[in-house]
């Protein structure tokens, strides 16, 4: 498929997704996703010290999980804690956090916007969680420099500033740079798009 045709297809499907996401944002109208299509290419410059074949430093997963849990409690992101318990991911955190990560943590109010059917779907909820955990530790400044954050679920969230407001993917960023031993947490004010929604709309990554 030609690139122009692919982008047209993506924009059509993005319009469908926008309709599905109406009301997900806490206090802002849904972001116009078709405006982000051209930003999905991260434009990340190569670190001159990267590519040396060295594995990432190992992290004590158990300590990282405990540290992460404490940060969520102190930041009052209790709905995410409840979600991790419900999906069984609380027990899996030591394994997930053996390498540095960046967590895009939805607020309690944002998670409360999920439909009742979604809240009962453990498989979909796990996908939602993985859409909010990105490989590697990235502060807000580092994400802005890269122009993106790549989630464990596979999608690339564009990082951009609009009207003085910092955004990642379809969400507005809130409080940022909550450090824990296994990485960093950034608060987001809506639930990000998940792979299943994109798959249902047959969106191609461009």
Protein backbone atom coordinates (compact mmCIF):
# COMPACT_ATOMS: atom_id res chain seq x y z
CA UNK A 1 0.00 0.00 0.00
CA UNK A 2 1.32 3.43 -0.89
CA UNK A 3 2.28 5.67 2.05
CA UNK A 4 -0.34 8.29 1.17
CA UNK A 5 -3.09 5.69 1.03
CA UNK A 6 -1.95 4.17 4.29
CA UNK A 7 -2.07 7.55 6.05
CA UNK A 8 -5.57 8.16 4.67
CA UNK A 9 -6.63 4.77 6.04
CA UNK A 10 -5.10 5.57 9.42
CA UNK A 11 -6.87 8.92 9.62
CA UNK A 12 -10.23 7.29 8.80
CA UNK A 13 -9.75 4.73 11.55
CA UNK A 14 -8.49 7.38 13.98
CA UNK A 15 -11.78 9.24 13.47
CA UNK A 16 -13.60 6.06 14.56
CA UNK A 17 -11.40 5.76 17.64
CA UNK A 18 -12.05 9.40 18.58
CA UNK A 19 -15.76 8.60 18.74
CA UNK A 20 -15.04 5.59 20.96
CA UNK A 21 -12.97 7.74 23.33
CA UNK A 22 -15.48 10.55 23.86
CA UNK A 23 -15.70 11.16 27.61
CA UNK A 24 -12.43 9.41 28.48
CA UNK A 25 -10.69 12.69 29.26
CA UNK A 26 -11.30 14.10 32.70
CA UNK A 27 -11.92 17.71 31.86
CA UNK A 28 -10.93 18.25 28.22
CA UNK A 29 -12.57 17.33 24.89
CA UNK A 30 -11.11 14.31 23.10
CA UNK A 31 -7.80 15.07 21.40
CA UNK A 32 -7.99 15.18 17.61
CA UNK A 33 -6.02 12.00 16.95
CA UNK A 34 -5.66 12.55 13.22
CA UNK A 35 -3.42 15.50 14.03
CA UNK A 36 -1.00 13.09 15.72
CA UNK A 37 -0.58 10.65 12.81
CA UNK A 38 2.41 12.47 11.39
CA UNK A 39 4.04 12.59 14.85
CA UNK A 40 4.25 8.82 15.37
CA UNK A 41 7.74 8.78 13.88
CA UNK A 42 9.66 9.48 17.09
CA UNK A 43 12.45 11.36 15.41
CA UNK A 44 14.76 10.13 18.14
CA UNK A 45 18.42 10.89 17.60
CA UNK A 46 20.88 8.12 18.29
CA UNK A 47 22.83 8.42 21.50
CA UNK A 48 26.51 8.30 20.48
CA UNK A 49 27.13 5.88 23.36
CA UNK A 50 24.27 3.56 22.41
CA UNK A 51 24.56 0.40 20.39
CA UNK A 52 27.70 -0.77 22.19
CA UNK A 53 26.17 -4.16 22.84
CA UNK A 54 25.92 -3.68 26.60
CA UNK A 55 22.75 -5.03 28.25
CA UNK A 56 20.68 -2.61 30.35
CA UNK A 57 21.59 -2.60 34.04
CA UNK A 58 19.72 -5.20 36.05
CA UNK A 59 17.19 -3.99 38.60
CA UNK A 60 16.12 -5.78 41.78
CA UNK A 61 12.54 -6.49 40.73
CA UNK A 62 11.24 -7.12 44.23
CA UNK A 63 12.60 -3.84 45.59
CA UNK A 64 11.43 -1.99 42.47
CA UNK A 65 7.91 -3.40 42.89
CA UNK A 66 7.80 -2.31 46.53
CA UNK A 67 9.13 1.14 45.67
CA UNK A 68 6.63 1.51 42.81
CA UNK A 69 3.75 0.47 45.09
CA UNK A 70 4.75 3.09 47.66
CA UNK A 71 4.96 5.82 45.01
CA UNK A 72 1.44 5.03 43.77
CA UNK A 73 0.16 5.23 47.33
CA UNK A 74 1.91 8.53 48.09
CA UNK A 75 0.70 10.02 44.79
CA UNK A 76 -2.85 8.83 45.60
CA UNK A 77 -3.03 6.82 42.37
CA UNK A 78 -5.00 4.16 44.20
CA UNK A 79 -7.23 3.13 41.29
CA UNK A 80 -4.17 1.96 39.38
CA UNK A 81 -3.12 -0.08 42.41
CA UNK A 82 -6.58 -1.66 42.50
CA UNK A 83 -6.36 -2.37 38.77
CA UNK A 84 -3.00 -4.10 39.17
CA UNK A 85 -4.39 -6.28 41.96
CA UNK A 86 -7.57 -7.16 40.04
CA UNK A 87 -5.66 -8.22 36.91
CA UNK A 88 -3.08 -10.25 38.83
CA UNK A 89 -0.28 -7.93 37.73
CA UNK A 90 0.56 -6.97 41.31
CA UNK A 91 2.21 -10.36 41.72
CA UNK A 92 3.98 -10.00 38.36
CA UNK A 93 5.54 -6.61 39.13
CA UNK A 94 8.89 -8.01 40.34
CA UNK A 95 9.34 -9.67 36.94
CA UNK A 96 8.04 -6.68 34.95
CA UNK A 97 10.29 -4.26 36.81
CA UNK A 98 13.58 -6.14 36.41
CA UNK A 99 14.50 -3.45 33.88
CA UNK A 100 13.89 0.28 34.10
CA UNK A 101 10.45 1.46 33.00
CA UNK A 102 8.40 4.61 32.59
CA UNK A 103 4.84 4.31 33.90
CA UNK A 104 2.11 6.59 32.54
CA UNK A 105 -0.33 6.34 35.43
CA UNK A 106 -3.99 7.30 34.85
CA UNK A 107 -5.63 9.27 37.63
CA UNK A 108 -8.38 7.72 39.74
CA UNK A 109 -10.93 9.85 37.91
CA UNK A 110 -9.62 8.75 34.50
CA UNK A 111 -9.89 5.05 35.34
CA UNK A 112 -13.39 5.64 36.72
CA UNK A 113 -14.44 6.60 33.18
CA UNK A 114 -13.91 3.05 31.91
CA UNK A 115 -17.15 1.29 31.06
CA UNK A 116 -18.55 -1.41 33.31
CA UNK A 117 -17.95 -4.01 30.61
CA UNK A 118 -14.29 -2.99 30.35
CA UNK A 119 -13.84 -3.17 34.11
CA UNK A 120 -14.94 -6.81 34.04
CA UNK A 121 -12.69 -7.79 31.12
CA UNK A 122 -9.42 -8.90 32.72
CA UNK A 123 -7.71 -9.51 29.38
CA UNK A 124 -8.51 -6.01 28.11
CA UNK A 125 -7.55 -4.45 31.44
CA UNK A 126 -4.15 -6.12 31.25
CA UNK A 127 -3.70 -4.64 27.76
CA UNK A 128 -4.62 -1.24 29.16
CA UNK A 129 -1.96 -1.57 31.85
CA UNK A 130 0.72 -2.61 29.35
CA UNK A 131 -0.24 0.36 27.17
CA UNK A 132 0.80 2.56 30.09
CA UNK A 133 4.16 0.94 30.88
CA UNK A 134 7.03 1.99 28.61
CA UNK A 135 10.44 0.38 28.33
CA UNK A 136 13.31 2.39 29.78
CA UNK A 137 13.31 5.17 32.34
CA UNK A 138 12.45 8.54 30.78
CA UNK A 139 11.90 11.79 32.62
CA UNK A 140 9.49 14.30 31.11
CA UNK A 141 12.43 16.16 29.60
CA UNK A 142 13.81 12.97 28.07
CA UNK A 143 10.42 12.01 26.59
CA UNK A 144 10.09 15.45 25.07
CA UNK A 145 13.54 15.15 23.54
CA UNK A 146 12.63 11.79 22.00
CA UNK A 147 9.14 12.98 20.99
CA UNK A 148 7.71 9.61 21.95
CA UNK A 149 7.27 6.83 24.50
CA UNK A 150 7.08 3.18 23.40
CA UNK A 151 4.73 1.00 25.46
CA UNK A 152 5.18 -2.66 26.33
CA UNK A 153 1.88 -3.28 24.52
CA UNK A 154 3.62 -2.29 21.29
CA UNK A 155 2.29 1.13 20.39
CA UNK A 156 4.21 4.39 20.18
CA UNK A 157 2.74 7.34 22.05
CA UNK A 158 3.63 10.72 20.57
CA UNK A 159 4.92 13.22 23.15
CA UNK A 160 4.16 16.83 22.29
CA UNK A 161 3.23 20.23 23.71
CA UNK A 162 0.13 22.09 22.59
CA UNK A 163 -1.11 25.38 23.99
CA UNK A 164 1.47 25.17 26.76
CA UNK A 165 0.14 21.78 27.86
CA UNK A 166 2.31 18.63 27.79
CA UNK A 167 0.64 15.58 26.27
CA UNK A 168 1.51 11.94 25.64
CA UNK A 169 -0.50 9.99 23.09
CA UNK A 170 -4.18 10.77 23.66
CA UNK A 171 -3.68 11.98 27.23
CA UNK A 172 -2.82 15.21 28.99
CA UNK A 173 0.12 14.90 31.37
CA UNK A 174 -0.40 15.93 34.98
CA UNK A 175 2.20 15.58 37.72
CA UNK A 176 5.46 14.13 36.44
CA UNK A 177 8.78 12.60 37.49
CA UNK A 178 7.75 10.51 40.51
CA UNK A 179 10.94 8.51 40.97
CA UNK A 180 11.07 4.94 42.22
CA UNK A 181 13.93 2.46 42.24
CA UNK A 182 12.79 0.79 39.00
CA UNK A 183 12.03 3.90 36.98
CA UNK A 184 9.70 6.87 36.96
CA UNK A 185 5.95 7.58 37.05
CA UNK A 186 4.11 10.31 35.13
CA UNK A 187 0.44 11.02 35.80
CA UNK A 188 -1.97 11.15 32.84
CA UNK A 189 -5.50 12.54 32.90
CA UNK A 190 -7.11 9.99 30.60
CA UNK A 191 -6.75 6.35 29.65
CA UNK A 192 -4.50 5.91 26.63
CA UNK A 193 -5.54 4.05 23.52
CA UNK A 194 -4.93 0.33 23.79
CA UNK A 195 -3.73 -2.13 21.18
CA UNK A 196 -7.08 -3.93 21.09
CA UNK A 197 -8.92 -0.76 20.06
CA UNK A 198 -6.39 -0.15 17.31
CA UNK A 199 -6.60 -3.76 16.16
CA UNK A 200 -10.38 -3.61 16.01
CA UNK A 201 -10.11 -0.61 13.69
CA UNK A 202 -7.39 -2.24 11.55
CA UNK A 203 -5.01 0.69 12.02
CA UNK A 204 -1.62 0.37 10.36
CA UNK A 205 1.41 1.93 12.02
CA UNK A 206 3.02 4.46 9.67
